[in-house]
Amino acid sequence: MTTRNELRLLPWSGPEGKPCYLSTDDGDGYMSRLADNIEAVQLGAAAALLEQACEALNDQDMDPEDVRRLTKELTEALRVVLRVATSRGHLLPANEQHDT
């Protein structure tokens, strides 16, 4: 794991899908707050999609194309959530990373 003063993985990608990082000691700076806000929106969207998927599981008449679309959206949401978890895990001080 990275230490608190190392690069922060940002919740968006750069050209060609490459990861973007932020180097700052100011966790309350503009870019840090922007990243926090975008992560919150992404997590909210993932939660809403999860609710939609739970409802779809009960729909016996769901069209196969709708199932495929939902699966693609869930896959992307999981990718985003894992990116946020990785980023936030790296922000934790080393002694907090192993507490349960």
C-alpha atoms as a PDB file:
ATOM      1  CA  MET A   1       0.000   0.000   0.000  1.00  0.00           C
ATOM      2  CA  THR A   2       1.087   3.547  -0.600  1.00  0.00           C
ATOM      3  CA  THR A   3       1.645   5.973   2.210  1.00  0.00           C
ATOM      4  CA  ARG A   4      -0.513   9.010   2.789  1.00  0.00           C
ATOM      5  CA  ASN A   5       1.856  11.394   0.983  1.00  0.00           C
ATOM      6  CA  GLU A   6       2.102   9.361  -2.224  1.00  0.00           C
ATOM      7  CA  LEU A   7       0.012   9.569  -5.372  1.00  0.00           C
ATOM      8  CA  ARG A   8      -3.770   9.280  -5.186  1.00  0.00           C
ATOM      9  CA  LEU A   9      -5.543   7.235  -7.839  1.00  0.00           C
ATOM     10  CA  LEU A  10      -8.220   9.489  -9.303  1.00  0.00           C
ATOM     11  CA  PRO A  11     -11.734   8.304 -10.216  1.00  0.00           C
ATOM     12  CA  TRP A  12     -11.301   9.010 -13.915  1.00  0.00           C
ATOM     13  CA  SER A  13      -8.987   7.807 -16.641  1.00  0.00           C
ATOM     14  CA  GLY A  14      -6.711   9.726 -18.913  1.00  0.00           C
ATOM     15  CA  PRO A  15      -6.077   9.287 -22.612  1.00  0.00           C
ATOM     16  CA  GLU A  16      -6.288   5.701 -23.810  1.00  0.00           C
ATOM     17  CA  GLY A  17      -7.835   4.655 -20.493  1.00  0.00           C
ATOM     18  CA  LYS A  18      -4.636   5.119 -18.526  1.00  0.00           C
ATOM     19  CA  PRO A  19      -4.988   5.839 -14.785  1.00  0.00           C
ATOM     20  CA  CYS A  20      -4.692   9.398 -13.497  1.00  0.00           C
ATOM     21  CA  TYR A  21      -2.981  10.250 -10.230  1.00  0.00           C
ATOM     22  CA  LEU A  22      -2.886  13.288  -7.966  1.00  0.00           C
ATOM     23  CA  SER A  23       0.211  14.309  -6.050  1.00  0.00           C
ATOM     24  CA  THR A  24      -0.685  16.555  -3.136  1.00  0.00           C
ATOM     25  CA  ASP A  25      -0.298  16.828   0.605  1.00  0.00           C
ATOM     26  CA  ASP A  26      -3.559  18.792   0.794  1.00  0.00           C
ATOM     27  CA  GLY A  27      -6.452  16.371   1.187  1.00  0.00           C
ATOM     28  CA  ASP A  28      -8.819  19.363   1.224  1.00  0.00           C
ATOM     29  CA  GLY A  29      -7.515  20.960  -1.968  1.00  0.00           C
ATOM     30  CA  TYR A  30      -9.676  21.570  -5.026  1.00  0.00           C
ATOM     31  CA  MET A  31      -8.610  18.431  -6.918  1.00  0.00           C
ATOM     32  CA  SER A  32      -8.972  16.227  -3.828  1.00  0.00           C
ATOM     33  CA  ARG A  33     -12.481  17.569  -3.183  1.00  0.00           C
ATOM     34  CA  LEU A  34     -13.374  17.136  -6.862  1.00  0.00           C
ATOM     35  CA  ALA A  35     -12.182  13.524  -6.755  1.00  0.00           C
ATOM     36  CA  ASP A  36     -14.141  12.920  -3.522  1.00  0.00           C
ATOM     37  CA  ASN A  37     -17.311  14.349  -5.087  1.00  0.00           C
ATOM     38  CA  ILE A  38     -16.953  12.310  -8.259  1.00  0.00           C
ATOM     39  CA  GLU A  39     -16.357   9.152  -6.215  1.00  0.00           C
ATOM     40  CA  ALA A  40     -19.523   9.879  -4.212  1.00  0.00           C
ATOM     41  CA  VAL A  41     -21.534  10.253  -7.424  1.00  0.00           C
ATOM     42  CA  GLN A  42     -20.032   7.054  -8.839  1.00  0.00           C
ATOM     43  CA  LEU A  43     -20.827   5.092  -5.676  1.00  0.00           C
ATOM     44  CA  GLY A  44     -24.372   6.461  -5.651  1.00  0.00           C
ATOM     45  CA  ALA A  45     -24.859   5.393  -9.262  1.00  0.00           C
ATOM     46  CA  ALA A  46     -23.517   1.924  -8.439  1.00  0.00           C
ATOM     47  CA  ALA A  47     -25.949   1.628  -5.521  1.00  0.00           C
ATOM     48  CA  ALA A  48     -28.874   2.608  -7.765  1.00  0.00           C
ATOM     49  CA  LEU A  49     -27.768   0.097 -10.390  1.00  0.00           C
ATOM     50  CA  LEU A  50     -27.534  -2.621  -7.742  1.00  0.00           C
ATOM     51  CA  GLU A  51     -31.132  -1.886  -6.727  1.00  0.00           C
ATOM     52  CA  GLN A  52     -32.184  -2.131 -10.369  1.00  0.00           C
ATOM     53  CA  ALA A  53     -30.346  -5.453 -10.719  1.00  0.00           C
ATOM     54  CA  CYS A  54     -32.045  -6.836  -7.602  1.00  0.00           C
ATOM     55  CA  GLU A  55     -35.435  -5.947  -9.077  1.00  0.00           C
ATOM     56  CA  ALA A  56     -34.463  -7.494 -12.419  1.00  0.00           C
ATOM     57  CA  LEU A  57     -33.650 -10.803 -10.732  1.00  0.00           C
ATOM     58  CA  ASN A  58     -37.323 -11.105  -9.862  1.00  0.00           C
ATOM     59  CA  ASP A  59     -38.465 -10.338 -13.422  1.00  0.00           C
ATOM     60  CA  GLN A  60     -39.010 -13.691 -15.112  1.00  0.00           C
ATOM     61  CA  ASP A  61     -39.929 -12.000 -18.399  1.00  0.00           C
ATOM     62  CA  MET A  62     -36.837  -9.820 -18.743  1.00  0.00           C
ATOM     63  CA  ASP A  63     -35.646  -9.561 -22.331  1.00  0.00           C
ATOM     64  CA  PRO A  64     -32.217 -11.187 -22.948  1.00  0.00           C
ATOM     65  CA  GLU A  65     -30.917  -7.948 -24.473  1.00  0.00           C
ATOM     66  CA  ASP A  66     -31.919  -6.088 -21.291  1.00  0.00           C
ATOM     67  CA  VAL A  67     -30.089  -8.713 -19.218  1.00  0.00           C
ATOM     68  CA  ARG A  68     -26.995  -8.216 -21.374  1.00  0.00           C
ATOM     69  CA  ARG A  69     -27.181  -4.398 -21.004  1.00  0.00           C
ATOM     70  CA  LEU A  70     -27.633  -4.692 -17.247  1.00  0.00           C
ATOM     71  CA  THR A  71     -24.681  -7.078 -17.016  1.00  0.00           C
ATOM     72  CA  LYS A  72     -22.462  -4.636 -18.918  1.00  0.00           C
ATOM     73  CA  GLU A  73     -23.558  -1.778 -16.651  1.00  0.00           C
ATOM     74  CA  LEU A  74     -22.945  -3.867 -13.519  1.00  0.00           C
ATOM     75  CA  THR A  75     -19.493  -4.801 -14.790  1.00  0.00           C
ATOM     76  CA  GLU A  76     -18.596  -1.149 -15.322  1.00  0.00           C
ATOM     77  CA  ALA A  77     -20.037  -0.193 -11.920  1.00  0.00           C
ATOM     78  CA  LEU A  78     -17.955  -2.905 -10.247  1.00  0.00           C
ATOM     79  CA  ARG A  79     -14.846  -1.616 -12.049  1.00  0.00           C
ATOM     80  CA  VAL A  80     -15.568   1.894 -10.720  1.00  0.00           C
ATOM     81  CA  VAL A  81     -16.243   0.701  -7.172  1.00  0.00           C
ATOM     82  CA  LEU A  82     -12.998  -1.286  -7.133  1.00  0.00           C
ATOM     83  CA  ARG A  83     -11.117   1.789  -8.339  1.00  0.00           C
ATOM     84  CA  VAL A  84     -12.670   3.905  -5.559  1.00  0.00           C
ATOM     85  CA  ALA A  85     -11.891   1.222  -2.967  1.00  0.00           C
ATOM     86  CA  THR A  86      -8.280   1.036  -4.139  1.00  0.00           C
ATOM     87  CA  SER A  87      -7.923   4.807  -4.070  1.00  0.00           C
ATOM     88  CA  ARG A  88      -9.467   5.163  -0.629  1.00  0.00           C
ATOM     89  CA  GLY A  89      -7.492   2.228   0.732  1.00  0.00           C
ATOM     90  CA  HIS A  90      -4.302   3.967  -0.290  1.00  0.00           C
ATOM     91  CA  LEU A  91      -5.417   7.104   1.547  1.00  0.00           C
ATOM     92  CA  LEU A  92      -5.682   5.299   4.889  1.00  0.00           C
ATOM     93  CA  PRO A  93      -2.793   5.569   7.311  1.00  0.00           C
ATOM     94  CA  ALA A  94      -0.938   2.244   7.525  1.00  0.00           C
ATOM     95  CA  ASN A  95      -2.265   1.475  11.048  1.00  0.00           C
ATOM     96  CA  GLU A  96      -5.916   1.838   9.905  1.00  0.00           C
ATOM     97  CA  GLN A  97      -5.627  -0.430   6.856  1.00  0.00           C
ATOM     98  CA  HIS A  98      -5.663  -3.638   8.882  1.00  0.00           C
ATOM     99  CA  ASP A  99      -8.242  -2.696  11.544  1.00  0.00           C
ATOM    100  CA  THR A 100     -11.557  -4.570  11.303  1.00  0.00           C
END
